[in-house]
């Protein structure tokens, strides 16, 4: 199959399959990841909905996608399917994630330290355009960072429950 060439194609194929199934269950797909951990491969589908995701939502999505995933067969090796919520401290990776959480507190882990030596920064996400974050620190300093300079960007504000709608 054409989907078996690269992991990126696998993720794209699974996303295209999962999105309408999730929508039919009142959910949205937050992220899809196909990763190797040790000797095992994992296909992780993160789902979301307004008000938050419960275990029942994960079970429904897992059951609903199992058959269609077997039929599409986008993965040429054995793997473990996991369906879960992105969590309160969800990682922001796609532009729509950043847009949905403008004004929220985020923790940014940097690949290279800032001029002051910090490798981690907690700030309010003020803007996100053209793969660049504009952050406001507690001290009132505005920092502009390219998304590629961050190893991860996660929500910190535990008041947030549920997130984006597609």
Protein backbone atom coordinates (compact mmCIF):
# COMPACT_ATOMS: atom_id res chain seq x y z
CA UNK A 1 0.00 0.00 0.00
CA UNK A 2 1.08 3.56 -0.62
CA UNK A 3 0.56 4.39 3.06
CA UNK A 4 3.29 2.02 4.20
CA UNK A 5 6.24 4.01 2.80
CA UNK A 6 6.90 6.34 5.71
CA UNK A 7 5.58 6.91 9.23
CA UNK A 8 4.35 10.34 8.11
CA UNK A 9 2.12 8.69 5.52
CA UNK A 10 0.88 6.28 8.17
CA UNK A 11 -0.07 9.14 10.47
CA UNK A 12 -1.78 11.00 7.63
CA UNK A 13 -3.73 7.91 6.54
CA UNK A 14 -4.83 7.15 10.10
CA UNK A 15 -5.80 10.80 10.68
CA UNK A 16 -7.98 10.81 7.54
CA UNK A 17 -9.63 7.60 8.69
CA UNK A 18 -10.05 8.65 12.33
CA UNK A 19 -11.37 12.21 11.88
CA UNK A 20 -14.83 11.33 10.48
CA UNK A 21 -15.20 8.43 12.90
CA UNK A 22 -14.40 10.74 15.81
CA UNK A 23 -16.79 13.40 14.48
CA UNK A 24 -19.56 10.80 14.34
CA UNK A 25 -18.98 10.19 18.06
CA UNK A 26 -19.00 13.91 18.91
CA UNK A 27 -15.20 13.99 19.22
CA UNK A 28 -12.28 15.53 17.36
CA UNK A 29 -8.83 14.13 16.67
CA UNK A 30 -6.20 16.10 18.59
CA UNK A 31 -3.17 14.21 17.34
CA UNK A 32 -2.03 10.92 15.83
CA UNK A 33 1.41 9.46 16.51
CA UNK A 34 3.09 6.29 15.31
CA UNK A 35 6.12 5.63 17.49
CA UNK A 36 8.57 2.91 18.31
CA UNK A 37 9.29 2.45 22.01
CA UNK A 38 11.84 -0.23 22.72
CA UNK A 39 10.99 -3.20 20.52
CA UNK A 40 7.29 -2.25 20.22
CA UNK A 41 5.36 0.07 17.90
CA UNK A 42 2.45 2.18 19.14
CA UNK A 43 -0.29 3.91 17.19
CA UNK A 44 -1.65 6.62 19.47
CA UNK A 45 -4.80 8.51 18.63
CA UNK A 46 -5.52 11.45 20.91
CA UNK A 47 -9.15 12.57 20.95
CA UNK A 48 -10.78 15.67 22.38
CA UNK A 49 -14.18 17.24 22.91
CA UNK A 50 -15.62 20.28 24.59
CA UNK A 51 -15.88 19.51 28.30
CA UNK A 52 -13.15 16.88 28.22
CA UNK A 53 -12.76 13.25 27.24
CA UNK A 54 -13.68 10.32 29.50
CA UNK A 55 -12.68 6.67 29.42
CA UNK A 56 -16.02 5.85 27.73
CA UNK A 57 -15.10 8.17 24.83
CA UNK A 58 -11.76 6.41 24.44
CA UNK A 59 -13.43 2.99 24.49
CA UNK A 60 -16.05 4.06 21.90
CA UNK A 61 -13.40 5.49 19.59
CA UNK A 62 -11.17 2.44 19.96
CA UNK A 63 -14.06 0.09 19.12
CA UNK A 64 -15.27 2.29 16.25
CA UNK A 65 -11.88 2.58 14.55
CA UNK A 66 -10.63 -0.97 15.05
CA UNK A 67 -12.45 -2.54 12.07
CA UNK A 68 -11.85 0.30 9.60
CA UNK A 69 -8.18 0.42 10.65
CA UNK A 70 -7.82 -3.32 9.99
CA UNK A 71 -9.51 -2.86 6.61
CA UNK A 72 -7.33 0.12 5.57
CA UNK A 73 -4.23 -1.70 6.86
CA UNK A 74 -1.87 1.33 6.74
CA UNK A 75 0.77 -0.29 8.96
CA UNK A 76 2.95 -3.16 7.75
CA UNK A 77 4.02 -4.37 11.21
CA UNK A 78 2.38 -5.33 14.47
CA UNK A 79 1.53 -2.43 16.78
CA UNK A 80 -0.52 -1.55 19.83
CA UNK A 81 -3.45 0.84 19.34
CA UNK A 82 -3.97 3.37 22.12
CA UNK A 83 -6.79 5.92 22.18
CA UNK A 84 -6.60 8.60 24.85
CA UNK A 85 -7.19 12.20 25.83
CA UNK A 86 -4.37 14.68 25.24
CA UNK A 87 -4.71 15.53 28.95
CA UNK A 88 -4.83 18.82 30.79
CA UNK A 89 -1.14 19.42 30.16
CA UNK A 90 -1.65 18.65 26.49
CA UNK A 91 1.16 19.24 24.05
CA UNK A 92 0.51 21.89 21.42
CA UNK A 93 1.90 20.71 18.08
CA UNK A 94 -0.38 21.89 15.28
CA UNK A 95 -1.27 25.44 14.34
CA UNK A 96 -4.92 24.91 15.36
CA UNK A 97 -3.73 23.84 18.84
CA UNK A 98 -1.84 27.10 19.30
CA UNK A 99 -4.75 29.16 17.92
CA UNK A 100 -7.26 27.41 20.20
CA UNK A 101 -5.22 28.21 23.31
CA UNK A 102 -4.13 31.81 22.70
CA UNK A 103 -4.10 33.58 26.06
CA UNK A 104 -3.28 30.35 27.93
CA UNK A 105 -0.24 29.66 30.08
CA UNK A 106 2.26 27.33 28.41
CA UNK A 107 5.54 25.71 29.40
CA UNK A 108 8.08 25.78 26.60
CA UNK A 109 11.10 23.49 26.68
CA UNK A 110 13.78 24.82 24.39
CA UNK A 111 16.28 22.97 22.24
CA UNK A 112 18.91 25.67 22.88
CA UNK A 113 18.96 27.97 25.91
CA UNK A 114 17.84 31.60 25.81
CA UNK A 115 20.44 34.34 26.19
CA UNK A 116 19.94 34.21 29.98
CA UNK A 117 20.67 30.45 30.00
CA UNK A 118 17.11 29.21 30.58
CA UNK A 119 16.03 26.08 28.73
CA UNK A 120 12.47 26.19 30.03
CA UNK A 121 10.05 29.07 29.98
CA UNK A 122 6.54 29.49 31.42
CA UNK A 123 4.56 32.30 29.79
CA UNK A 124 1.23 33.32 28.27
CA UNK A 125 0.83 32.40 24.61
CA UNK A 126 -0.12 35.78 23.14
CA UNK A 127 0.03 34.96 19.44
CA UNK A 128 1.04 32.28 16.96
CA UNK A 129 1.69 33.04 13.30
CA UNK A 130 3.88 31.51 10.62
CA UNK A 131 5.29 28.93 13.06
CA UNK A 132 6.32 31.63 15.53
CA UNK A 133 5.08 31.94 19.13
CA UNK A 134 4.76 35.29 20.85
CA UNK A 135 4.99 34.78 24.61
CA UNK A 136 4.48 37.15 27.54
CA UNK A 137 6.46 36.24 30.69
CA UNK A 138 5.35 36.95 34.26
CA UNK A 139 7.90 39.77 34.29
CA UNK A 140 6.10 41.39 31.35
CA UNK A 141 8.79 40.55 28.80
CA UNK A 142 7.60 39.64 25.30
CA UNK A 143 9.55 36.84 23.64
CA UNK A 144 9.18 35.69 20.06
CA UNK A 145 10.25 32.08 19.40
CA UNK A 146 10.20 29.92 16.31
CA UNK A 147 8.26 26.73 17.00
CA UNK A 148 11.21 24.71 15.67
CA UNK A 149 13.33 26.03 18.59
CA UNK A 150 11.06 24.30 21.12
CA UNK A 151 11.31 20.60 21.93
CA UNK A 152 7.82 20.80 23.49
CA UNK A 153 5.07 23.29 24.26
CA UNK A 154 2.51 22.17 26.86
CA UNK A 155 -0.45 23.80 28.58
CA UNK A 156 0.13 24.63 32.23
CA UNK A 157 -3.21 26.12 33.20
CA UNK A 158 -5.14 23.34 34.92
CA UNK A 159 -8.37 25.33 34.62
CA UNK A 160 -8.63 24.24 31.00
CA UNK A 161 -10.87 21.26 30.31
CA UNK A 162 -11.55 20.22 26.75
CA UNK A 163 -10.29 22.13 23.84
CA UNK A 164 -10.84 22.43 20.17
CA UNK A 165 -13.70 21.73 17.88
CA UNK A 166 -13.20 20.89 14.25
